[in-house]
Amino acid sequence: MKLLLTAINAKYIHSSLSMRYLKSCCSDLPLNIELCEFTINNHLLDIADQIFDKRPDILGVECYIWNIELIKELLPLIKKLLPHVIIICGGPEISYGTKEMMEQLPAIDYVIRGEGEETLHELLCRLIAGKNTTDIPGLAQKTLNGIETSLPVVFADMDKLPFPYADEDIKTLDNRIIYYESSRGCPFSCKYCLSCATKGVRYRSLDKVLPELAFFVRHNVRQIKFVDRTFNADKKHFLPILEFISKQNCRTNFHFETAIDYIDDDVLILLRKMPPGRVQLEIGIQSTNPLTLQHVSRHNNWQKISTNIKSILSFGNIHVHTDLIIGLPYEDVTSLTKSFNDMYALHPDMLQVGFLKLLKGSAMEHLVDAHKYSFMDTAPYQVLANSYISAEEMRTLRIFVDVFELYYNSGRFPNSLNYLINGFSNDAFSFFSKFALFWYNKGLGKAAHSPKSLYAYLAGFVNSLPKVSIEILFELMKLDAICSDHGRFKADFLNWSEKEHSKEIETFWKNSAVVQKYIPGYEFISRRTIKNSYHIEHFSIDIPVFINQHSIKQSHCIVLFIYGEDRVKKISIDKGDLL
C-alpha cells in the first residue's frame, strides 16, 4: 500500500515541516511512504499528473490559507484520475469549518483536525487492517449517518516526536528554508491568531533540541526558521539554545519569532556577541494603539520594545524584522499613521505591513459584526473594510504597501529614503502615502518593476515635490545603487564616474603600490576581478558625513567600495591618489 504525502507551498524556497513529521511518525507502518512538494505557481493539471504518476492508494494533502483554493480545484480532479484513492486532508484551513468543507468537497474521505501525527498513525493502522475508523480522536469522516467530526487534538509530549529530517532530506532541500520547532503553543491569546485556539506551551527537551540543531550545522544549512510561536517565552528553554548557536562555526542563519519586550539584559549581552548573520529576529508589534491592542488581547510594553529594538540594531550583527497589521479594531487611518511612524522610526531591517485576515477558528470571527468587518469570502479572507477604515481607504493602503515593499523592504534605498523622509519632518507615512498616490496616478502598478526602473520612478515622484534637491537625491541614489545588489543595477540617468573618470580609475587599479594603501595585499589581476570586487565613485556631497551624521555637506569626495559576502565596505580615497 502506498501513501503519498503532498504539500503545496507558497514559494519554491519554502518546505513542509508537517509533512516530514507525518512521514517520520508513520515510518513503522507497512507502507511505502513518499513525499511530493509543489508550489501554488504550479499548474493544476501538472500537479494532478505528477500525483497520478505516483499511483498512491492513500493521498495526504496539507490545507493552508495560501493553497486551499487550489486544493478545492485539485481534489475533484484527482478523484477523476484515481477513483479509488483515499484522500486524507489536514492543516489549519480544514481543521475549522470541517463539516462544511467536506460537504463542499465530496472527494475528501477523512479530515485530521489539529496536530495530526497520532491521528494519522491510528487511521492508517485501521485502514491497513481493514478495521472500523470511528472513534479516532481528531478525525472527521463520512458515515452512513452523514459527516461525523471530533474535536481538534494536540500532540501532548513534544519529546515523543521523532526528528523529521535525515541526511537525504538536506540534499533535496538545498538552498530552501528548513523549518524546525522546539515548542508548540503560545503563552498569548491574540484574537487575530490561531494560537488563541489552544492554551499553554509544550517544549521539546534541550537534550533533544541541541543535537538536532547540531545536525543542521553539520550539514551547513543556509537558514533554519523556528516555527515556535513565541521562541523566547521561557528563558530556561531559549537562552541555552541561543548560547549553543552563538558558539557554532557555520554559515547557518537561525530565524526566531520573539516577544521583544520579554528580552532582558542577559539576552542582550548574548545577542551583542552573536556572530554577524547568525540570528534573525521577527517581532510582531502589530499596532501601538493601546485600545486596539487591548481589544485583541495583546499586551505590548512599547517603551521596552522600542528600547530593545534600538539596542539590537545598534549591535550591527542581527537582522530585525517587525510586523504591523492593517485592519485591527479601533485603528483608523490617523491611528495607523502613528503606529506606522512609531515603528518606522526604529528603522528595522524590514517592516512588514500586512492586512488583517479573518482566519477560521480565530477569535476575530466573533468581532465581525460589532466592528462591521467586510472581508474576502475565500482565502486569504483579507479585510476589505471595517468601521474605522473604508473600502476606498483600504484600496489606497494596498497601493501604499506595494510601494513600501519595493522601496523600503527591498533594502535598496536606505540613504535616499533617509534624506527624503527627513524632508517630510520624519513623517514616513505621509511620504509613502504621497508616493502611493503618484504611483496610482501614473499607472505604475501595471508597469515593469526592474531595479533600474525603481530609481527612475522615485526620481519622477521627487521632481513633483517642493524643497527637495534632485541633485542631492541623485548622489544618494548612486550610493544606494552601489551598495545594493552588488552594484549590478546602475540607473543610466545617474552620473557615473566609470564613464567620466574611466582613465584615471583604470590607472589607479594598475598602480598596486597606491591601491595597497586602501586594500592591503592588493595585486592587479584583471579588469573582470576589479569590476566584480570593487567600485570607485566621485560624489558632490560628503558621503561619510551623511552616513555617520545623516546630514548633507556639499563637498567633493571619492569613495572606494569593497564588496564582501554580506556587506559593502566604504573607504574615502585621497584625491591625489586618483590623478
Protein backbone atom coordinates (compact mmCIF):
# COMPACT_ATOMS: atom_id res chain seq x y z
CA MET A 1 0.00 0.00 0.00
CA LYS A 2 1.34 3.41 -0.96
CA LEU A 3 0.87 6.69 0.92
CA LEU A 4 1.71 9.92 -0.87
CA LEU A 5 2.00 12.96 1.40
CA THR A 6 1.54 16.14 -0.62
CA ALA A 7 2.37 19.76 0.21
CA ILE A 8 1.62 22.79 -1.96
CA ASN A 9 3.89 25.54 -0.66
CA ALA A 10 3.55 29.28 -1.21
CA LYS A 11 7.04 29.56 -2.77
CA TYR A 12 9.69 27.20 -4.09
CA ILE A 13 12.10 28.30 -1.37
CA HIS A 14 9.69 27.02 1.31
CA SER A 15 9.47 23.44 2.54
CA SER A 16 6.96 21.43 4.54
CA LEU A 17 7.82 20.55 8.14
CA SER A 18 4.47 18.95 8.96
CA MET A 19 4.66 16.54 6.03
CA ARG A 20 8.03 15.31 7.25
CA TYR A 21 6.71 14.92 10.79
CA LEU A 22 3.88 12.76 9.48
CA LYS A 23 6.21 10.57 7.47
CA SER A 24 8.54 10.08 10.45
CA CYS A 25 5.66 9.23 12.81
CA CYS A 26 4.28 6.64 10.38
CA SER A 27 7.58 5.06 9.32
CA ASP A 28 6.93 1.96 11.43
CA LEU A 29 3.87 1.01 9.37
CA PRO A 30 3.95 -1.47 6.44
CA LEU A 31 3.54 1.34 3.91
CA ASN A 32 5.53 2.77 1.04
CA ILE A 33 5.53 6.47 2.04
CA GLU A 34 6.59 9.15 -0.43
CA LEU A 35 6.65 12.93 -0.22
CA CYS A 36 5.76 15.29 -3.04
CA GLU A 37 6.06 19.09 -2.82
CA PHE A 38 4.70 21.68 -5.22
CA THR A 39 4.06 25.42 -5.15
CA ILE A 40 0.90 27.40 -5.80
CA ASN A 41 2.57 28.54 -9.04
CA ASN A 42 2.48 25.02 -10.49
CA HIS A 43 -0.30 24.41 -12.98
CA LEU A 44 -3.28 22.46 -11.72
CA LEU A 45 -3.06 19.65 -14.27
CA ASP A 46 0.71 19.36 -13.82
CA ILE A 47 0.19 18.74 -10.09
CA ALA A 48 -2.57 16.23 -10.81
CA ASP A 49 -0.42 14.43 -13.39
CA GLN A 50 2.50 14.06 -11.01
CA ILE A 51 0.21 12.66 -8.31
CA PHE A 52 -1.35 10.32 -10.88
CA ASP A 53 2.10 9.09 -11.94
CA LYS A 54 2.80 8.05 -8.32
CA ARG A 55 -0.39 5.90 -8.24
CA PRO A 56 -0.99 6.27 -4.48
CA ASP A 57 -3.56 4.19 -2.61
CA ILE A 58 -3.81 6.94 0.02
CA LEU A 59 -3.21 10.63 -0.61
CA GLY A 60 -2.48 13.03 2.25
CA VAL A 61 -2.94 16.74 1.48
CA GLU A 62 -1.95 19.75 3.62
CA CYS A 63 -4.50 22.57 3.63
CA TYR A 64 -3.35 26.10 4.41
CA ILE A 65 -4.63 29.57 3.72
CA TRP A 66 -2.28 30.00 0.75
CA ASN A 67 -3.22 26.77 -1.06
CA ILE A 68 -6.84 25.96 -0.18
CA GLU A 69 -8.38 27.50 -3.29
CA LEU A 70 -6.05 25.45 -5.49
CA ILE A 71 -6.82 22.32 -3.45
CA LYS A 72 -10.55 22.86 -3.98
CA GLU A 73 -9.88 22.50 -7.72
CA LEU A 74 -7.31 19.74 -7.37
CA LEU A 75 -9.14 17.13 -5.28
CA PRO A 76 -12.14 16.57 -7.61
CA LEU A 77 -9.65 16.20 -10.47
CA ILE A 78 -7.63 13.64 -8.51
CA LYS A 79 -10.77 11.59 -7.85
CA LYS A 80 -11.48 11.50 -11.57
CA LEU A 81 -7.97 10.31 -12.34
CA LEU A 82 -7.73 7.94 -9.35
CA PRO A 83 -11.31 6.98 -8.38
CA HIS A 84 -10.24 4.52 -5.66
CA VAL A 85 -7.66 6.71 -3.89
CA ILE A 86 -8.40 7.52 -0.25
CA ILE A 87 -7.95 11.26 0.32
CA ILE A 88 -6.99 12.49 3.80
CA CYS A 89 -6.74 16.23 4.43
CA GLY A 90 -5.29 18.12 7.36
CA GLY A 91 -3.98 21.52 8.35
CA PRO A 92 -5.39 24.71 9.88
CA GLU A 93 -7.50 25.65 6.87
CA ILE A 94 -9.60 22.49 7.21
CA SER A 95 -9.39 21.93 10.96
CA TYR A 96 -12.09 24.61 11.37
CA GLY A 97 -15.33 24.63 9.40
CA THR A 98 -14.55 20.96 8.73
CA LYS A 99 -18.07 19.71 8.09
CA GLU A 100 -18.83 22.50 5.64
CA MET A 101 -15.58 21.86 3.77
CA MET A 102 -16.26 18.11 3.49
CA GLU A 103 -19.76 18.84 2.19
CA GLN A 104 -18.31 21.24 -0.35
CA LEU A 105 -15.62 18.73 -1.41
CA PRO A 106 -17.07 15.19 -1.57
CA ALA A 107 -13.67 13.96 -2.81
CA ILE A 108 -12.36 14.17 0.78
CA ASP A 109 -12.68 10.92 2.71
CA TYR A 110 -11.11 11.94 6.03
CA VAL A 111 -10.03 15.15 7.74
CA ILE A 112 -7.49 15.26 10.56
CA ARG A 113 -8.27 18.14 12.91
CA GLY A 114 -5.45 19.78 14.84
CA GLU A 115 -1.97 18.27 15.26
CA GLY A 116 -2.24 15.12 13.22
CA GLU A 117 0.73 12.87 13.96
CA GLU A 118 -1.07 10.44 16.30
CA THR A 119 -4.40 10.67 14.49
CA LEU A 120 -2.89 9.83 11.10
CA HIS A 121 -0.94 6.93 12.57
CA GLU A 122 -4.06 5.42 14.11
CA LEU A 123 -6.13 5.97 10.97
CA LEU A 124 -3.53 4.28 8.77
CA CYS A 125 -3.27 1.34 11.18
CA ARG A 126 -7.01 0.73 10.86
CA LEU A 127 -7.08 1.23 7.10
CA ILE A 128 -4.26 -1.29 6.67
CA ALA A 129 -6.06 -3.78 8.92
CA GLY A 130 -9.44 -3.11 7.32
CA LYS A 131 -10.92 -2.07 10.68
CA ASN A 132 -13.60 0.48 11.55
CA THR A 133 -12.23 4.04 11.69
CA THR A 134 -14.80 5.51 14.05
CA ASP A 135 -13.87 6.89 17.49
CA ILE A 136 -10.40 8.11 16.47
CA PRO A 137 -9.66 11.39 18.31
CA GLY A 138 -9.20 14.35 15.98
CA LEU A 139 -10.76 12.63 12.95
CA ALA A 140 -13.69 13.71 10.78
CA GLN A 141 -15.14 11.22 8.33
CA LYS A 142 -18.14 10.25 6.26
CA THR A 143 -20.52 7.69 7.74
CA LEU A 144 -23.93 6.31 6.85
CA ASN A 145 -25.36 8.96 9.15
CA GLY A 146 -23.53 11.81 7.43
CA ILE A 147 -20.28 13.55 8.36
CA GLU A 148 -19.06 12.89 11.90
CA THR A 149 -16.43 15.11 13.48
CA SER A 150 -14.44 15.13 16.69
CA LEU A 151 -12.57 17.95 18.39
CA PRO A 152 -9.10 19.00 17.19
CA VAL A 153 -6.27 17.36 19.10
CA VAL A 154 -2.75 18.33 20.18
CA PHE A 155 0.40 16.23 20.46
CA ALA A 156 0.97 16.40 24.20
CA ASP A 157 4.59 15.24 24.60
CA MET A 158 6.96 17.01 22.23
CA ASP A 159 9.80 14.65 23.16
CA LYS A 160 7.92 11.76 21.57
CA LEU A 161 8.01 13.40 18.18
CA PRO A 162 10.72 11.84 16.01
CA PHE A 163 13.23 14.21 14.43
CA PRO A 164 11.72 14.83 10.96
CA TYR A 165 14.93 15.18 8.93
CA ALA A 166 17.50 12.71 7.61
CA ASP A 167 20.70 13.22 5.63
CA GLU A 168 18.92 12.68 2.31
CA ASP A 169 16.35 15.38 3.20
CA ILE A 170 19.06 18.00 3.45
CA LYS A 171 20.26 17.15 -0.04
CA THR A 172 16.79 17.60 -1.53
CA LEU A 173 16.24 20.85 0.41
CA ASP A 174 19.44 22.54 -0.69
CA ASN A 175 19.02 26.35 -0.72
CA ARG A 176 15.49 26.15 0.70
CA ILE A 177 14.31 27.36 4.07
CA ILE A 178 14.22 24.48 6.54
CA TYR A 179 11.67 24.72 9.33
CA TYR A 180 12.12 23.48 12.87
CA GLU A 181 10.20 23.73 16.12
CA SER A 182 11.34 23.47 19.72
CA SER A 183 7.90 24.22 21.13
CA ARG A 184 4.22 24.25 20.26
CA GLY A 185 1.57 26.61 21.54
CA CYS A 186 1.79 30.22 22.64
CA PRO A 187 1.61 31.96 26.03
CA PHE A 188 -0.54 34.69 24.49
CA SER A 189 -4.11 34.66 23.15
CA CYS A 190 -4.15 37.34 20.44
CA LYS A 191 -7.59 37.24 18.82
CA TYR A 192 -6.34 37.54 15.23
CA CYS A 193 -4.10 34.46 15.57
CA LEU A 194 -4.99 30.76 15.51
CA SER A 195 -2.77 30.25 18.55
CA CYS A 196 -5.66 31.63 20.60
CA ALA A 197 -7.48 28.34 19.97
CA THR A 198 -5.06 26.34 22.15
CA LYS A 199 -3.76 27.02 25.63
CA GLY A 200 -0.26 26.71 27.04
CA VAL A 201 3.15 25.91 25.58
CA ARG A 202 4.72 22.47 25.18
CA TYR A 203 8.51 22.30 24.95
CA ARG A 204 10.92 19.82 23.42
CA SER A 205 13.72 18.95 25.84
CA LEU A 206 17.05 20.69 25.29
CA ASP A 207 18.86 17.35 25.26
CA LYS A 208 16.98 16.69 22.02
CA VAL A 209 16.93 20.22 20.59
CA LEU A 210 20.66 20.94 20.77
CA PRO A 211 21.81 17.74 18.97
CA GLU A 212 19.17 18.37 16.31
CA LEU A 213 20.47 21.89 15.74
CA ALA A 214 23.97 20.43 15.55
CA PHE A 215 22.68 18.21 12.72
CA PHE A 216 21.76 21.32 10.69
CA VAL A 217 25.07 22.99 11.47
CA ARG A 218 26.93 19.88 10.40
CA HIS A 219 25.12 20.00 7.07
CA ASN A 220 25.92 23.71 6.64
CA VAL A 221 22.24 24.56 6.13
CA ARG A 222 21.68 28.15 4.97
CA GLN A 223 18.66 29.01 7.14
CA ILE A 224 16.68 27.35 9.92
CA LYS A 225 13.36 29.03 10.60
CA PHE A 226 11.90 28.21 14.00
CA VAL A 227 8.11 27.95 13.82
CA ASP A 228 7.78 28.38 17.60
CA ARG A 229 5.01 30.94 18.05
CA THR A 230 6.98 32.81 20.74
CA PHE A 231 10.52 31.47 20.86
CA ASN A 232 11.54 33.40 23.97
CA ALA A 233 8.52 32.55 26.14
CA ASP A 234 10.65 30.65 28.68
CA LYS A 235 14.19 31.82 29.40
CA LYS A 236 15.26 28.41 30.73
CA HIS A 237 14.42 27.00 27.31
CA PHE A 238 15.50 29.62 24.80
CA LEU A 239 18.67 31.05 26.39
CA PRO A 240 20.64 27.75 26.18
CA ILE A 241 19.61 27.49 22.53
CA LEU A 242 20.98 30.97 21.80
CA GLU A 243 24.16 30.18 23.72
CA PHE A 244 24.60 26.99 21.70
CA ILE A 245 24.20 28.58 18.28
CA SER A 246 26.44 31.52 19.23
CA LYS A 247 29.34 29.06 19.65
CA GLN A 248 28.95 27.29 16.32
CA ASN A 249 31.29 27.76 13.41
CA CYS A 250 28.87 27.79 10.50
CA ARG A 251 27.06 29.87 7.90
CA THR A 252 23.61 28.87 9.22
CA ASN A 253 21.15 31.66 9.98
CA PHE A 254 18.52 31.00 12.68
CA HIS A 255 15.20 32.86 12.44
CA PHE A 256 13.06 33.29 15.57
CA GLU A 257 9.68 34.90 16.29
CA THR A 258 10.10 36.76 19.56
CA ALA A 259 8.25 38.90 22.07
CA ILE A 260 10.98 41.52 22.21
CA ASP A 261 9.73 43.14 25.43
CA TYR A 262 10.46 39.82 27.21
CA ILE A 263 14.17 40.15 26.45
CA ASP A 264 16.34 41.17 29.41
CA ASP A 265 19.94 42.31 29.85
CA ASP A 266 21.32 38.73 29.90
CA VAL A 267 19.86 38.11 26.45
CA LEU A 268 21.02 41.46 25.08
CA ILE A 269 24.58 40.74 26.21
CA LEU A 270 24.47 37.39 24.40
CA LEU A 271 22.94 38.88 21.24
CA ARG A 272 25.63 41.55 21.13
CA LYS A 273 28.27 38.80 20.94
CA MET A 274 26.41 36.77 18.30
CA PRO A 275 28.36 36.22 15.06
CA PRO A 276 27.07 38.52 12.28
CA GLY A 277 24.20 36.97 10.37
CA ARG A 278 23.76 34.10 12.82
CA VAL A 279 20.39 35.29 14.19
CA GLN A 280 17.34 36.92 12.62
CA LEU A 281 14.51 38.18 14.84
CA GLU A 282 10.90 38.60 13.77
CA ILE A 283 8.96 40.87 16.13
CA GLY A 284 5.18 41.09 15.95
CA ILE A 285 4.27 44.58 17.18
CA GLN A 286 1.06 44.87 15.08
CA SER A 287 -0.04 48.28 16.48
CA THR A 288 0.98 50.90 19.02
CA ASN A 289 -2.61 51.92 19.78
CA PRO A 290 -3.35 50.81 23.40
CA LEU A 291 -7.11 50.49 22.78
CA THR A 292 -6.54 48.36 19.69
CA LEU A 293 -4.10 46.09 21.49
CA GLN A 294 -6.42 45.71 24.47
CA HIS A 295 -9.32 44.76 22.23
CA VAL A 296 -7.38 41.95 20.52
CA SER A 297 -5.95 40.68 23.84
CA ARG A 298 -2.39 41.69 23.05
CA HIS A 299 -0.11 43.25 25.64
CA ASN A 300 2.82 45.35 24.37
CA ASN A 301 5.31 47.22 26.52
CA TRP A 302 6.12 49.81 23.86
CA GLN A 303 8.86 51.51 25.84
CA LYS A 304 10.72 48.24 26.29
CA ILE A 305 10.00 47.14 22.74
CA SER A 306 11.49 50.30 21.24
CA THR A 307 14.46 50.34 23.62
CA ASN A 308 15.34 46.69 22.93
CA ILE A 309 14.97 47.01 19.16
CA LYS A 310 17.20 50.09 19.08
CA SER A 311 19.80 48.28 21.18
CA ILE A 312 19.80 45.18 18.99
CA LEU A 313 20.01 47.20 15.77
CA SER A 314 22.94 49.14 17.20
CA PHE A 315 24.89 45.87 17.53
CA GLY A 316 25.01 45.65 13.72
CA ASN A 317 25.02 41.85 13.69
CA ILE A 318 21.33 40.87 13.76
CA HIS A 319 18.60 41.30 11.13
CA VAL A 320 15.43 42.69 12.75
CA HIS A 321 12.06 42.12 11.10
CA THR A 322 8.95 43.82 12.56
CA ASP A 323 5.26 43.30 11.77
CA LEU A 324 2.33 45.73 11.62
CA ILE A 325 -1.29 44.75 10.85
CA ILE A 326 -3.75 46.99 8.99
CA GLY A 327 -7.41 46.49 9.90
CA LEU A 328 -7.42 45.84 13.64
CA PRO A 329 -10.31 47.23 15.75
CA TYR A 330 -10.17 50.95 16.61
CA GLU A 331 -7.23 51.53 14.23
CA ASP A 332 -8.37 54.23 11.80
CA VAL A 333 -6.01 55.98 9.35
CA THR A 334 -4.95 58.53 11.99
CA SER A 335 -4.11 55.77 14.46
CA LEU A 336 -2.45 53.71 11.72
CA THR A 337 -0.28 56.70 10.80
CA LYS A 338 1.02 56.86 14.36
CA SER A 339 1.57 53.09 14.61
CA PHE A 340 3.44 53.07 11.31
CA ASN A 341 5.58 56.09 12.15
CA ASP A 342 6.36 54.72 15.62
CA MET A 343 7.66 51.52 14.08
CA TYR A 344 9.38 53.19 11.11
CA ALA A 345 11.31 55.46 13.49
CA LEU A 346 13.05 52.36 14.82
CA HIS A 347 14.45 51.72 11.29
CA PRO A 348 14.17 47.91 11.38
CA ASP A 349 15.76 45.97 8.55
CA MET A 350 12.25 45.00 7.47
CA LEU A 351 8.88 46.42 8.44
CA GLN A 352 6.29 44.02 7.12
CA VAL A 353 2.92 45.76 6.74
CA GLY A 354 0.15 43.21 6.31
CA PHE A 355 -3.63 43.25 6.22
CA LEU A 356 -5.75 41.55 8.85
CA LYS A 357 -7.08 38.16 7.80
CA LEU A 358 -10.25 36.80 9.41
CA LEU A 359 -8.88 33.30 9.97
CA LYS A 360 -11.20 30.36 10.57
CA GLY A 361 -11.01 29.37 14.21
CA SER A 362 -9.63 32.70 15.42
CA ALA A 363 -11.46 34.81 18.00
CA MET A 364 -11.70 37.64 15.44
CA GLU A 365 -14.68 35.80 13.95
CA HIS A 366 -16.69 36.93 16.99
CA LEU A 367 -15.86 40.61 16.32
CA VAL A 368 -17.02 40.76 12.70
CA ASP A 369 -20.49 42.19 13.34
CA ALA A 370 -19.52 44.55 16.16
CA HIS A 371 -16.85 46.24 14.04
CA LYS A 372 -18.65 45.89 10.68
CA TYR A 373 -15.92 43.85 9.01
CA SER A 374 -16.12 43.25 5.29
CA PHE A 375 -13.62 40.65 4.09
CA MET A 376 -12.90 38.21 1.29
CA ASP A 377 -15.16 35.15 1.31
CA THR A 378 -12.33 32.99 0.02
CA ALA A 379 -8.78 32.53 1.30
CA PRO A 380 -6.89 34.51 2.45
CA TYR A 381 -10.04 36.17 3.97
CA GLN A 382 -8.33 39.57 3.89
CA VAL A 383 -10.18 42.52 5.39
CA LEU A 384 -11.71 44.90 2.82
CA ALA A 385 -13.21 47.48 5.19
CA ASN A 386 -14.43 47.95 8.75
CA SER A 387 -15.91 50.63 10.99
CA TYR A 388 -12.60 52.53 11.03
CA ILE A 389 -11.16 52.22 7.51
CA SER A 390 -13.39 52.49 4.43
CA ALA A 391 -13.06 50.33 1.33
CA GLU A 392 -11.62 53.33 -0.53
CA GLU A 393 -9.02 53.95 2.17
CA MET A 394 -8.17 50.24 2.24
CA ARG A 395 -7.63 50.29 -1.53
CA THR A 396 -5.21 53.22 -1.13
CA LEU A 397 -3.42 51.35 1.63
CA ARG A 398 -2.89 48.33 -0.61
CA ILE A 399 -1.01 50.59 -3.05
CA PHE A 400 0.88 52.08 -0.09
CA VAL A 401 2.01 48.59 0.97
CA ASP A 402 3.14 47.67 -2.56
CA VAL A 403 5.26 50.82 -2.83
CA PHE A 404 6.67 50.39 0.66
CA GLU A 405 7.71 46.81 -0.12
CA LEU A 406 9.54 47.89 -3.27
CA TYR A 407 11.36 50.84 -1.72
CA TYR A 408 11.89 50.16 1.98
CA ASN A 409 11.73 46.41 2.46
CA SER A 410 13.79 45.73 -0.66
CA GLY A 411 16.69 47.37 1.19
CA ARG A 412 17.74 49.18 -1.99
CA PHE A 413 17.08 52.80 -0.99
CA PRO A 414 18.11 53.38 2.64
CA ASN A 415 20.05 56.60 2.07
CA SER A 416 17.64 58.10 -0.45
CA LEU A 417 14.69 57.43 1.85
CA ASN A 418 16.55 58.79 4.86
CA TYR A 419 17.06 62.09 3.05
CA LEU A 420 13.55 62.32 1.59
CA ILE A 421 11.63 61.39 4.74
CA ASN A 422 13.70 63.83 6.76
CA GLY A 423 12.25 66.45 4.40
CA PHE A 424 8.77 65.28 5.45
CA SER A 425 9.59 66.04 9.11
CA ASN A 426 10.17 62.30 9.54
CA ASP A 427 6.54 61.54 8.77
CA ALA A 428 7.22 58.37 6.80
CA PHE A 429 3.52 57.56 6.46
CA SER A 430 2.83 60.85 4.67
CA PHE A 431 5.81 60.36 2.37
CA PHE A 432 4.78 56.86 1.28
CA SER A 433 1.11 57.92 1.03
CA LYS A 434 2.03 60.70 -1.42
CA PHE A 435 4.34 58.33 -3.30
CA ALA A 436 1.50 55.77 -3.49
CA LEU A 437 -0.84 58.42 -4.94
CA PHE A 438 1.80 59.32 -7.56
CA TRP A 439 2.25 55.59 -8.25
CA TYR A 440 -1.50 55.14 -8.81
CA ASN A 441 -1.95 58.23 -10.96
CA LYS A 442 0.95 57.21 -13.22
CA GLY A 443 -0.35 53.64 -13.52
CA LEU A 444 2.93 52.26 -12.23
CA GLY A 445 1.21 49.30 -10.60
CA LYS A 446 0.86 47.91 -14.12
CA ALA A 447 4.43 48.75 -15.18
CA ALA A 448 7.59 46.67 -15.01
CA HIS A 449 9.45 46.92 -11.70
CA SER A 450 13.04 46.18 -12.61
CA PRO A 451 15.61 47.51 -10.12
CA LYS A 452 16.74 50.19 -12.58
CA SER A 453 13.18 51.35 -13.23
CA LEU A 454 12.57 51.84 -9.49
CA TYR A 455 15.23 54.57 -9.44
CA ALA A 456 13.52 56.33 -12.35
CA TYR A 457 10.07 56.16 -10.68
CA LEU A 458 11.43 57.63 -7.47
CA ALA A 459 13.16 60.44 -9.38
CA GLY A 460 9.91 61.18 -11.21
CA PHE A 461 8.00 61.42 -7.94
CA VAL A 462 10.60 63.63 -6.27
CA ASN A 463 10.52 66.03 -9.21
CA SER A 464 6.97 66.89 -8.13
CA LEU A 465 8.00 67.72 -4.55
CA PRO A 466 8.96 71.19 -3.32
CA LYS A 467 12.08 71.78 -1.23
CA VAL A 468 13.86 68.63 -2.42
CA SER A 469 17.20 68.84 -4.20
CA ILE A 470 17.18 66.42 -7.09
CA GLU A 471 20.97 66.79 -7.33
CA ILE A 472 21.46 65.61 -3.74
CA LEU A 473 18.97 62.79 -4.24
CA PHE A 474 20.83 61.59 -7.34
CA GLU A 475 24.07 61.41 -5.35
CA LEU A 476 22.34 59.33 -2.68
CA MET A 477 20.75 57.15 -5.33
CA LYS A 478 24.23 56.40 -6.62
CA LEU A 479 25.29 55.43 -3.11
CA ASP A 480 22.27 53.15 -2.74
CA ALA A 481 22.76 51.52 -6.15
CA ILE A 482 26.42 50.77 -5.44
CA CYS A 483 25.66 49.29 -2.01
CA SER A 484 22.78 47.03 -3.06
CA ASP A 485 22.65 44.01 -5.37
CA HIS A 486 26.47 44.00 -5.54
CA GLY A 487 26.26 47.19 -7.62
CA ARG A 488 24.71 45.38 -10.59
CA PHE A 489 21.86 47.81 -11.26
CA LYS A 490 23.07 51.32 -12.04
CA ALA A 491 20.36 53.58 -13.45
CA ASP A 492 21.56 55.12 -16.72
CA PHE A 493 20.33 58.64 -15.92
CA LEU A 494 22.74 58.94 -12.96
CA ASN A 495 26.18 60.47 -13.49
CA TRP A 496 28.58 57.55 -13.04
CA SER A 497 32.32 58.06 -12.57
CA GLU A 498 33.20 54.95 -14.57
CA LYS A 499 32.21 56.95 -17.66
CA GLU A 500 33.60 60.40 -16.88
CA HIS A 501 36.72 59.28 -14.98
CA SER A 502 37.38 55.91 -16.61
CA LYS A 503 41.06 56.52 -17.48
CA GLU A 504 42.15 57.75 -14.05
CA ILE A 505 40.26 54.90 -12.35
CA GLU A 506 41.92 52.33 -14.60
CA THR A 507 45.33 53.85 -13.87
CA PHE A 508 44.61 53.71 -10.13
CA TRP A 509 43.84 49.97 -10.23
CA LYS A 510 47.04 49.19 -12.11
CA ASN A 511 49.19 51.04 -9.53
CA SER A 512 49.31 48.30 -6.87
CA ALA A 513 51.52 50.33 -4.53
CA VAL A 514 48.89 53.11 -4.31
CA VAL A 515 45.93 50.71 -4.04
CA GLN A 516 47.62 48.84 -1.17
CA LYS A 517 47.20 51.96 0.97
CA TYR A 518 43.49 51.09 0.94
CA ILE A 519 43.46 47.35 0.26
CA PRO A 520 46.40 45.57 1.96
CA GLY A 521 47.89 42.81 -0.16
CA TYR A 522 46.18 44.02 -3.34
CA GLU A 523 47.60 42.92 -6.70
CA PHE A 524 46.06 43.73 -10.07
CA ILE A 525 44.74 40.57 -11.73
CA SER A 526 42.16 41.54 -14.35
CA ARG A 527 39.51 44.11 -15.15
CA ARG A 528 36.83 41.48 -14.50
CA THR A 529 38.13 40.89 -10.98
CA ILE A 530 38.12 44.63 -10.30
CA LYS A 531 34.58 45.04 -11.61
CA ASN A 532 33.25 42.16 -9.50
CA SER A 533 35.03 43.17 -6.30
CA TYR A 534 35.36 46.95 -6.19
CA HIS A 535 33.86 50.22 -7.31
CA ILE A 536 35.15 53.83 -7.22
CA GLU A 537 32.74 56.75 -7.32
CA HIS A 538 33.01 60.56 -7.23
CA PHE A 539 30.34 62.37 -5.19
CA SER A 540 29.45 66.05 -4.86
CA ILE A 541 28.42 65.58 -1.21
CA ASP A 542 30.43 64.25 1.72
CA ILE A 543 29.27 60.62 1.87
CA PRO A 544 30.98 59.70 5.18
CA VAL A 545 29.33 62.70 6.87
CA PHE A 546 25.92 61.68 5.54
CA ILE A 547 26.33 58.06 6.62
CA ASN A 548 27.62 58.90 10.10
CA GLN A 549 25.71 62.08 10.89
CA HIS A 550 22.71 61.94 8.50
CA SER A 551 23.43 65.47 7.34
CA ILE A 552 24.22 66.96 3.95
CA LYS A 553 27.57 68.65 3.41
CA GLN A 554 28.40 69.92 -0.07
CA SER A 555 31.94 68.68 -0.62
CA HIS A 556 33.56 66.65 -3.37
CA CYS A 557 34.69 63.22 -2.20
CA ILE A 558 35.84 59.96 -3.73
CA VAL A 559 34.80 56.66 -2.18
CA LEU A 560 36.17 53.16 -2.74
CA PHE A 561 33.57 50.41 -2.27
CA ILE A 562 34.73 46.89 -1.45
CA TYR A 563 32.20 44.11 -1.93
CA GLY A 564 32.17 41.42 0.74
CA GLU A 565 29.89 38.43 1.09
CA ASP A 566 27.31 40.27 3.20
CA ARG A 567 28.36 43.92 3.43
CA VAL A 568 29.93 46.68 1.38
CA LYS A 569 32.95 48.40 2.93
CA LYS A 570 33.40 52.11 2.16
CA ILE A 571 36.80 53.86 2.20
CA SER A 572 37.48 57.52 1.34
CA ILE A 573 40.26 57.98 -1.24
CA ASP A 574 42.68 60.92 -1.29
CA LYS A 575 42.10 62.94 -4.44
CA GLY A 576 45.82 62.94 -5.14
CA ASP A 577 45.84 59.14 -5.48
CA LEU A 578 43.37 59.25 -8.33
CA LEU A 579 45.05 61.76 -10.61
